[in-house]
N, C-alpha and C. Protein backbone atom coordinates (compact mmCIF):
# COMPACT_ATOMS: atom_id res chain seq x y z
N MET A 1 98.00 82.55 89.15
CA MET A 1 97.45 83.17 88.17
C MET A 1 98.24 84.45 87.66
N SER A 2 98.77 84.40 86.44
CA SER A 2 99.42 85.74 86.01
C SER A 2 98.83 86.36 84.78
N ASP A 3 99.05 87.63 84.65
CA ASP A 3 98.75 88.47 83.42
C ASP A 3 100.06 89.19 83.28
N ASN A 4 100.52 88.93 81.94
CA ASN A 4 101.78 89.39 81.47
C ASN A 4 101.38 90.42 80.29
N ARG A 5 101.29 91.63 80.52
CA ARG A 5 100.95 92.48 79.50
C ARG A 5 102.17 93.59 79.36
N ALA A 6 102.04 94.30 78.30
CA ALA A 6 102.95 95.54 77.97
C ALA A 6 102.21 96.41 77.23
N THR A 7 102.22 97.63 78.01
CA THR A 7 101.19 98.65 77.24
C THR A 7 102.07 100.03 77.39
N ASP A 8 102.09 100.82 76.26
CA ASP A 8 102.92 102.11 76.26
C ASP A 8 104.30 102.09 76.54
N SER A 9 105.10 101.02 75.94
CA SER A 9 106.32 100.86 76.49
C SER A 9 106.62 100.55 77.78
N LYS A 10 105.77 99.87 78.29
CA LYS A 10 106.04 99.59 79.78
C LYS A 10 105.64 97.99 79.59
N VAL A 11 106.19 97.34 80.70
CA VAL A 11 106.21 96.03 81.21
C VAL A 11 105.04 96.07 82.06
N MET A 12 103.88 95.14 81.90
CA MET A 12 103.21 94.85 83.18
C MET A 12 102.86 93.43 83.34
N ILE A 13 102.94 93.09 84.64
CA ILE A 13 102.95 91.83 85.19
C ILE A 13 102.16 91.74 86.35
N THR A 14 101.00 90.93 86.48
CA THR A 14 100.21 90.67 87.42
C THR A 14 100.31 89.35 87.88
N ARG A 15 100.62 89.10 89.26
CA ARG A 15 100.73 87.61 89.74
C ARG A 15 100.07 87.52 91.22
N VAL A 16 99.56 86.53 91.22
CA VAL A 16 98.78 86.18 92.60
C VAL A 16 99.72 85.11 93.37
N PHE A 17 100.16 85.44 94.68
CA PHE A 17 101.04 84.64 95.53
C PHE A 17 100.06 84.35 96.65
N ASP A 18 100.06 82.89 97.10
CA ASP A 18 99.43 82.24 98.23
C ASP A 18 100.15 82.74 99.51
N ALA A 19 100.33 83.95 99.60
CA ALA A 19 100.96 84.46 100.83
C ALA A 19 100.67 85.72 101.36
N PRO A 20 100.58 86.08 102.52
CA PRO A 20 100.07 87.47 102.96
C PRO A 20 100.88 88.63 102.41
N ARG A 21 100.16 89.67 102.42
CA ARG A 21 100.76 90.71 101.68
C ARG A 21 102.18 91.51 102.58
N GLU A 22 101.98 91.37 103.64
CA GLU A 22 103.24 91.91 104.54
C GLU A 22 104.43 90.73 104.25
N LEU A 23 104.12 89.72 104.24
CA LEU A 23 105.53 88.70 103.71
C LEU A 23 105.98 89.21 102.28
N VAL A 24 105.15 89.32 101.36
CA VAL A 24 105.45 89.67 100.09
C VAL A 24 106.08 91.01 100.07
N PHE A 25 105.91 91.97 101.02
CA PHE A 25 106.46 93.18 100.95
C PHE A 25 107.88 93.28 101.45
N GLN A 26 107.74 92.12 102.44
CA GLN A 26 109.23 91.85 103.23
C GLN A 26 110.21 91.50 102.20
N ALA A 27 109.61 90.26 101.43
CA ALA A 27 110.51 89.76 100.53
C ALA A 27 111.26 90.71 99.38
N TRP A 28 110.68 91.88 99.38
CA TRP A 28 111.04 92.89 98.14
C TRP A 28 111.97 93.99 99.02
N THR A 29 111.72 94.00 100.41
CA THR A 29 112.25 95.07 101.16
C THR A 29 113.42 94.77 102.39
N GLU A 30 113.61 93.37 102.50
CA GLU A 30 114.37 93.06 103.37
C GLU A 30 115.63 92.28 102.72
N PRO A 31 116.92 92.86 102.96
CA PRO A 31 118.10 92.17 102.10
C PRO A 31 118.16 90.61 102.21
N GLU A 32 117.92 90.23 103.44
CA GLU A 32 118.18 88.83 103.47
C GLU A 32 117.21 87.95 102.73
N ARG A 33 115.99 88.39 102.58
CA ARG A 33 114.79 87.85 101.87
C ARG A 33 114.94 88.22 100.40
N LEU A 34 115.31 89.26 100.03
CA LEU A 34 115.49 89.60 98.43
C LEU A 34 116.60 88.71 97.95
N ALA A 35 117.68 88.68 98.74
CA ALA A 35 118.77 87.89 98.17
C ALA A 35 118.51 86.56 97.79
N GLN A 36 117.25 86.11 98.22
CA GLN A 36 116.88 84.45 98.14
C GLN A 36 116.03 84.27 96.68
N TRP A 37 115.58 85.47 96.20
CA TRP A 37 114.78 84.99 95.04
C TRP A 37 115.00 86.12 93.87
N TRP A 38 115.68 87.09 94.19
CA TRP A 38 115.91 88.25 92.77
C TRP A 38 116.69 87.78 92.04
N GLY A 39 116.60 87.90 90.69
CA GLY A 39 117.25 87.81 89.55
C GLY A 39 117.19 86.77 88.75
N PRO A 40 118.05 86.27 87.67
CA PRO A 40 117.70 85.26 86.88
C PRO A 40 118.12 84.19 87.50
N LYS A 41 117.17 82.92 87.02
CA LYS A 41 117.44 81.40 87.77
C LYS A 41 119.06 81.14 87.76
N GLY A 42 119.68 80.56 88.89
CA GLY A 42 120.98 80.28 89.01
C GLY A 42 122.00 81.25 89.32
N TYR A 43 121.47 82.57 89.22
CA TYR A 43 122.39 83.63 89.64
C TYR A 43 122.35 83.82 91.29
N GLU A 44 123.34 84.27 91.60
CA GLU A 44 123.54 84.60 93.15
C GLU A 44 123.35 86.06 93.35
N LEU A 45 122.72 86.67 94.09
CA LEU A 45 122.59 88.02 94.56
C LEU A 45 123.30 88.33 95.77
N HIS A 46 124.22 89.30 95.47
CA HIS A 46 124.83 89.84 96.94
C HIS A 46 124.35 91.40 96.95
N VAL A 47 123.66 91.45 98.31
CA VAL A 47 123.25 92.80 98.38
C VAL A 47 124.26 93.61 99.33
N ALA A 48 124.74 94.60 98.65
CA ALA A 48 125.70 95.46 99.44
C ALA A 48 125.02 96.49 100.31
N LYS A 49 123.94 97.12 99.84
CA LYS A 49 123.16 98.12 100.82
C LYS A 49 121.75 98.03 100.52
N LEU A 50 120.88 98.37 101.40
CA LEU A 50 119.49 98.43 101.17
C LEU A 50 118.99 99.57 102.17
N ASP A 51 118.82 100.71 101.69
CA ASP A 51 118.45 101.94 102.52
C ASP A 51 116.91 102.12 102.13
N LEU A 52 115.98 101.49 102.83
CA LEU A 52 114.39 101.67 102.39
C LEU A 52 113.84 102.86 102.91
N ARG A 53 114.09 103.86 102.19
CA ARG A 53 113.41 105.18 102.29
C ARG A 53 113.20 105.95 101.20
N PRO A 54 112.33 107.00 100.92
CA PRO A 54 112.48 107.75 99.59
C PRO A 54 113.87 108.44 99.37
N GLY A 55 114.55 108.22 98.30
CA GLY A 55 115.86 108.61 98.14
C GLY A 55 116.96 107.75 98.48
N GLY A 56 116.44 106.52 99.13
CA GLY A 56 117.33 105.46 99.79
C GLY A 56 117.76 104.67 98.38
N ILE A 57 118.58 103.81 98.58
CA ILE A 57 119.31 102.90 97.65
C ILE A 57 119.39 101.51 98.09
N PHE A 58 118.96 100.55 97.13
CA PHE A 58 119.22 99.16 96.92
C PHE A 58 120.43 99.22 96.10
N LEU A 59 121.56 98.48 96.48
CA LEU A 59 122.73 98.37 95.74
C LEU A 59 123.32 96.77 95.87
N GLY A 60 123.27 96.25 94.51
CA GLY A 60 123.54 94.67 94.75
C GLY A 60 124.14 94.25 93.46
N SER A 61 125.05 92.86 93.54
CA SER A 61 125.54 92.39 92.28
C SER A 61 124.97 90.93 92.20
N GLN A 62 124.90 90.64 91.00
CA GLN A 62 124.42 89.45 90.47
C GLN A 62 125.61 88.53 90.05
N ARG A 63 125.87 87.30 90.52
CA ARG A 63 126.96 86.50 89.85
C ARG A 63 126.20 85.40 89.12
N SER A 64 126.63 85.24 88.01
CA SER A 64 125.89 84.06 87.11
C SER A 64 126.90 82.89 87.43
N PRO A 65 126.28 81.69 87.03
CA PRO A 65 126.84 80.48 87.30
C PRO A 65 128.34 80.22 86.83
N GLU A 66 128.67 81.12 85.79
CA GLU A 66 129.98 81.22 85.14
C GLU A 66 130.76 82.19 85.82
N GLY A 67 130.30 82.95 86.76
CA GLY A 67 131.16 83.76 87.53
C GLY A 67 131.13 85.21 86.90
N HIS A 68 130.35 85.48 85.95
CA HIS A 68 130.23 86.86 85.54
C HIS A 68 129.41 87.93 86.70
N VAL A 69 129.97 89.08 86.85
CA VAL A 69 129.21 89.77 87.79
C VAL A 69 128.69 91.02 87.22
N MET A 70 127.51 91.44 87.42
CA MET A 70 126.83 92.87 86.98
C MET A 70 126.46 93.42 88.25
N TRP A 71 126.45 94.52 88.57
CA TRP A 71 125.90 95.37 89.57
C TRP A 71 124.72 96.16 89.05
N GLY A 72 123.77 96.47 89.87
CA GLY A 72 122.56 97.33 89.83
C GLY A 72 122.13 97.86 91.06
N LYS A 73 121.30 98.77 90.75
CA LYS A 73 120.87 99.65 91.91
C LYS A 73 119.22 99.96 91.63
N PHE A 74 118.54 100.06 92.93
CA PHE A 74 117.30 100.76 92.76
C PHE A 74 117.36 102.05 93.73
N VAL A 75 116.89 103.08 93.29
CA VAL A 75 116.70 104.23 93.85
C VAL A 75 115.26 104.51 94.31
N TYR A 76 114.82 104.33 95.68
CA TYR A 76 113.41 104.29 96.03
C TYR A 76 112.89 105.69 95.72
N GLN A 77 111.71 105.85 95.30
CA GLN A 77 110.87 107.03 95.11
C GLN A 77 109.75 107.18 95.95
N GLU A 78 109.22 106.16 96.35
CA GLU A 78 107.74 105.93 97.24
C GLU A 78 107.85 104.64 97.90
N ILE A 79 107.43 104.81 99.16
CA ILE A 79 107.37 103.60 100.03
C ILE A 79 106.06 103.59 100.79
N ILE A 80 104.96 102.78 100.48
CA ILE A 80 103.91 103.10 101.41
C ILE A 80 103.89 101.36 101.83
N ALA A 81 104.22 101.06 102.96
CA ALA A 81 104.35 99.68 103.39
C ALA A 81 102.92 99.27 103.92
N PRO A 82 102.45 98.03 103.51
CA PRO A 82 103.12 97.09 102.80
C PRO A 82 102.28 97.01 101.44
N GLU A 83 101.96 98.10 100.75
CA GLU A 83 101.22 98.14 99.70
C GLU A 83 101.89 98.70 98.25
N ARG A 84 102.79 99.41 98.38
CA ARG A 84 103.34 100.05 97.05
C ARG A 84 104.83 100.45 97.32
N LEU A 85 105.40 100.14 96.30
CA LEU A 85 106.88 100.44 96.14
C LEU A 85 107.03 101.23 94.70
N VAL A 86 107.79 102.25 94.62
CA VAL A 86 108.33 102.92 93.29
C VAL A 86 109.60 103.09 93.44
N PHE A 87 110.20 102.51 92.24
CA PHE A 87 111.72 102.77 92.51
C PHE A 87 112.43 102.97 91.03
N ILE A 88 113.53 103.46 90.80
CA ILE A 88 114.12 103.79 89.59
C ILE A 88 115.30 102.71 89.54
N GLN A 89 115.34 101.79 88.52
CA GLN A 89 116.38 100.64 88.57
C GLN A 89 117.41 101.14 87.49
N SER A 90 118.71 100.90 87.71
CA SER A 90 119.67 101.19 86.73
C SER A 90 120.80 100.01 86.94
N PHE A 91 121.32 99.78 85.86
CA PHE A 91 122.83 99.19 86.16
C PHE A 91 123.76 100.22 86.76
N SER A 92 124.72 99.55 87.51
CA SER A 92 125.58 100.54 88.24
C SER A 92 127.05 99.71 88.36
N ASP A 93 128.00 100.56 88.79
CA ASP A 93 129.16 100.12 89.10
C ASP A 93 129.26 99.76 90.74
N GLU A 94 130.24 99.32 91.21
CA GLU A 94 130.46 98.71 92.76
C GLU A 94 130.20 100.03 93.70
N ALA A 95 130.22 101.19 93.37
CA ALA A 95 130.02 102.19 94.22
C ALA A 95 128.60 102.90 93.83
N GLY A 96 127.93 102.34 93.10
CA GLY A 96 126.48 102.71 92.80
C GLY A 96 126.35 103.66 91.77
N ASN A 97 127.42 104.20 90.93
CA ASN A 97 127.37 105.11 89.85
C ASN A 97 126.48 104.51 88.60
N THR A 98 125.55 105.12 88.21
CA THR A 98 124.73 104.70 86.99
C THR A 98 125.80 104.45 85.76
N ILE A 99 125.79 103.33 85.09
CA ILE A 99 126.40 102.92 83.82
C ILE A 99 125.39 102.56 83.20
N ARG A 100 125.81 102.22 81.69
CA ARG A 100 125.05 101.57 80.46
C ARG A 100 125.06 100.22 80.70
N ALA A 101 123.93 99.53 80.29
CA ALA A 101 123.94 98.11 80.49
C ALA A 101 124.92 97.34 79.76
N PRO A 102 125.29 96.40 80.30
CA PRO A 102 126.53 95.75 79.56
C PRO A 102 126.11 94.81 78.21
N PHE A 103 124.84 94.92 78.00
CA PHE A 103 124.45 94.17 76.49
C PHE A 103 123.86 95.36 75.50
N SER A 104 123.66 96.50 76.03
CA SER A 104 123.25 97.57 74.88
C SER A 104 123.75 98.81 75.20
N GLU A 105 124.25 99.62 74.28
CA GLU A 105 124.36 101.00 74.54
C GLU A 105 123.33 101.79 74.52
N GLN A 106 122.25 101.21 74.02
CA GLN A 106 120.88 102.00 73.63
C GLN A 106 119.93 101.84 74.82
N TRP A 107 120.08 100.68 75.82
CA TRP A 107 119.39 100.53 76.88
C TRP A 107 119.14 101.60 77.77
N PRO A 108 117.87 101.91 78.09
CA PRO A 108 117.70 103.21 79.22
C PRO A 108 118.66 103.13 80.14
N LEU A 109 119.20 104.35 80.71
CA LEU A 109 119.84 104.45 81.96
C LEU A 109 119.09 104.00 83.17
N GLU A 110 117.88 104.65 83.03
CA GLU A 110 116.88 104.34 84.09
C GLU A 110 115.60 103.85 83.66
N VAL A 111 115.03 102.89 84.48
CA VAL A 111 113.63 102.15 84.25
C VAL A 111 112.98 102.39 85.56
N ILE A 112 111.72 103.03 85.42
CA ILE A 112 110.99 103.30 86.93
C ILE A 112 109.96 102.15 86.78
N ASN A 113 110.14 101.50 88.14
CA ASN A 113 109.14 100.41 88.45
C ASN A 113 108.02 100.72 89.28
N GLU A 114 106.93 100.50 89.32
CA GLU A 114 105.70 100.63 90.22
C GLU A 114 105.05 99.40 90.66
N LEU A 115 105.40 99.14 91.89
CA LEU A 115 104.96 97.61 92.49
C LEU A 115 103.56 97.94 93.50
N THR A 116 102.51 97.26 93.20
CA THR A 116 101.43 97.35 94.22
C THR A 116 101.24 96.04 94.57
N LEU A 117 100.68 96.17 95.83
CA LEU A 117 100.34 94.71 96.36
C LEU A 117 99.09 94.74 97.01
N THR A 118 98.06 93.88 96.94
CA THR A 118 96.73 94.10 97.54
C THR A 118 96.50 92.58 98.09
N GLU A 119 95.72 92.39 99.28
CA GLU A 119 95.66 91.04 99.69
C GLU A 119 94.06 90.87 99.74
N SER A 120 93.70 89.54 99.64
CA SER A 120 92.33 89.06 99.87
C SER A 120 92.38 87.62 99.86
N ASP A 121 91.68 87.17 101.18
CA ASP A 121 91.80 85.78 101.56
C ASP A 121 93.06 85.47 101.60
N GLY A 122 94.07 86.00 102.15
CA GLY A 122 95.50 85.55 102.56
C GLY A 122 96.21 85.38 101.36
N LYS A 123 95.72 85.81 100.06
CA LYS A 123 96.56 85.72 99.11
C LYS A 123 96.87 87.17 98.53
N THR A 124 98.05 87.39 98.10
CA THR A 124 98.49 88.74 97.52
C THR A 124 98.49 88.75 95.93
N THR A 125 97.94 89.93 95.55
CA THR A 125 98.19 90.19 94.01
C THR A 125 99.13 91.32 94.07
N MET A 126 100.12 90.88 93.24
CA MET A 126 101.17 91.76 92.81
C MET A 126 101.09 92.33 91.51
N THR A 127 101.25 93.60 91.34
CA THR A 127 101.27 94.20 89.96
C THR A 127 102.47 94.90 89.96
N LEU A 128 103.31 94.54 88.79
CA LEU A 128 104.42 95.45 88.50
C LEU A 128 104.28 95.98 87.08
N SER A 129 104.64 97.49 87.27
CA SER A 129 104.38 98.16 85.77
C SER A 129 105.92 98.91 85.64
N GLY A 130 106.24 98.67 84.50
CA GLY A 130 107.94 99.38 84.46
C GLY A 130 108.23 99.76 83.13
N GLY A 131 108.96 100.96 83.01
CA GLY A 131 109.33 101.35 81.60
C GLY A 131 110.29 102.27 81.81
N PRO A 132 110.88 102.83 80.57
CA PRO A 132 111.97 103.66 80.45
C PRO A 132 111.79 105.20 81.33
N PHE A 133 112.62 105.61 81.92
CA PHE A 133 112.46 106.78 82.51
C PHE A 133 113.38 107.80 82.25
N ASN A 134 113.09 109.11 81.95
CA ASN A 134 114.24 110.15 81.41
C ASN A 134 114.76 109.60 80.21
N ALA A 135 114.31 108.90 79.33
CA ALA A 135 114.80 108.28 78.29
C ALA A 135 114.79 108.80 76.97
N THR A 136 115.75 108.59 75.95
CA THR A 136 115.73 109.27 74.86
C THR A 136 114.84 108.47 73.80
N GLU A 137 114.48 108.89 72.87
CA GLU A 137 113.72 107.94 71.61
C GLU A 137 114.37 106.85 71.37
N GLU A 138 115.84 106.59 71.29
CA GLU A 138 116.50 105.62 71.01
C GLU A 138 116.43 104.47 72.14
N GLU A 139 116.68 105.06 73.39
CA GLU A 139 116.57 104.18 74.35
C GLU A 139 115.09 103.49 74.67
N ARG A 140 114.26 104.40 74.32
CA ARG A 140 112.57 103.93 74.40
C ARG A 140 112.48 102.96 73.37
N ALA A 141 113.16 102.94 72.25
CA ALA A 141 112.96 101.98 71.16
C ALA A 141 113.68 100.64 71.41
N ALA A 142 114.91 100.87 72.13
CA ALA A 142 115.60 99.71 72.58
C ALA A 142 115.00 98.78 73.67
N PHE A 143 114.17 99.57 74.48
CA PHE A 143 113.17 98.94 75.60
C PHE A 143 112.25 98.22 74.90
N GLU A 144 111.55 98.95 73.94
CA GLU A 144 110.55 98.34 73.46
C GLU A 144 110.89 97.15 72.74
N GLY A 145 112.09 96.98 71.97
CA GLY A 145 112.57 95.88 71.20
C GLY A 145 112.92 94.72 72.24
N MET A 146 113.29 94.83 73.16
CA MET A 146 113.55 94.04 74.36
C MET A 146 112.48 93.61 75.28
N ARG A 147 111.30 94.34 75.05
CA ARG A 147 110.25 94.05 76.03
C ARG A 147 109.89 92.47 76.26
N PRO A 148 109.81 91.71 75.14
CA PRO A 148 109.24 90.39 75.60
C PRO A 148 110.41 89.65 76.33
N HIS A 149 111.62 90.04 76.17
CA HIS A 149 112.77 89.49 77.10
C HIS A 149 112.55 89.83 78.39
N VAL A 150 112.33 91.16 78.59
CA VAL A 150 112.19 91.72 79.90
C VAL A 150 110.91 91.08 80.66
N GLN A 151 109.80 91.03 79.93
CA GLN A 151 108.69 90.09 80.49
C GLN A 151 109.11 88.87 80.92
N GLU A 152 109.57 88.06 80.14
CA GLU A 152 110.31 86.80 80.33
C GLU A 152 111.01 86.72 81.46
N GLY A 153 111.88 87.53 81.59
CA GLY A 153 112.90 87.46 82.86
C GLY A 153 112.14 87.75 84.03
N PHE A 154 111.06 88.64 84.14
CA PHE A 154 110.38 89.06 85.24
C PHE A 154 109.50 87.79 85.65
N VAL A 155 109.25 87.07 84.67
CA VAL A 155 108.32 85.80 84.82
C VAL A 155 108.80 84.88 85.84
N GLY A 156 110.13 84.63 85.14
CA GLY A 156 111.28 83.39 85.79
C GLY A 156 111.50 84.15 87.23
N THR A 157 111.93 85.39 87.38
CA THR A 157 112.11 85.97 88.62
C THR A 157 111.00 85.66 89.63
N PHE A 158 109.89 86.01 89.15
CA PHE A 158 108.83 85.84 90.11
C PHE A 158 108.25 84.18 90.35
N ASP A 159 108.61 83.38 89.62
CA ASP A 159 108.61 82.29 89.83
C ASP A 159 109.53 81.75 90.98
N GLN A 160 110.55 82.42 91.21
CA GLN A 160 111.50 82.31 92.30
C GLN A 160 111.00 82.83 93.60
N LEU A 161 110.40 83.97 93.23
CA LEU A 161 109.54 84.54 94.48
C LEU A 161 108.52 83.78 94.99
N ASP A 162 107.71 83.08 94.02
CA ASP A 162 106.67 82.17 94.36
C ASP A 162 107.35 81.04 95.25
N ALA A 163 108.20 80.23 94.67
CA ALA A 163 108.96 79.33 95.50
C ALA A 163 109.52 79.73 96.81
N TYR A 164 110.01 80.60 96.80
CA TYR A 164 110.50 81.59 98.20
C TYR A 164 109.49 81.57 99.29
N LEU A 165 108.33 82.10 98.71
CA LEU A 165 107.14 82.45 99.59
C LEU A 165 106.55 81.14 100.22
N SER A 166 106.44 80.15 99.20
CA SER A 166 105.91 78.80 99.52
C SER A 166 106.66 78.13 100.45
N GLN A 167 108.19 78.37 100.80
CA GLN A 167 108.83 77.78 101.87
C GLN A 167 108.64 78.34 103.36
N LYS A 168 107.85 79.77 103.05
CA LYS A 168 107.78 80.37 104.49
C LYS A 168 106.61 80.40 105.01
N LYS A 169 105.56 79.79 104.41
CA LYS A 169 104.24 79.78 104.84
C LYS A 169 104.22 78.94 105.97
């Protein structure tokens, strides 16, 4: 089951996984697990760093099938295991310095994501809400214009998470 909505310049996706909440949380927070599913289909994720604490950073690169590499980071704001993660997501260089998105000079430098996980009868409902953070009006407009593509990208990524979790049952 999925619910893919966008409200107030945010992306909101709700998805139910046939997996316990603890496993879904581990898939988000353990480098070897995250590398198995995060990112666009066909891309390879290399986790350079994952420091899971408020103020800690995930730093990683994605390699496309054609060999193009993009770096990105999460800066963790709030962690309540195994039910909630809040992180600011940005494009970055290899050292973790925030940079502009390679596809748009107007894309927000920072996007805040709030992830909640609830469990019922061995299934986990995951809700991800995300949108521009500390953004200019121009950056907000760019995000709004790309919101359907962001939604679509997350749906594909969460299809990969579902496949990963299915293997771990």
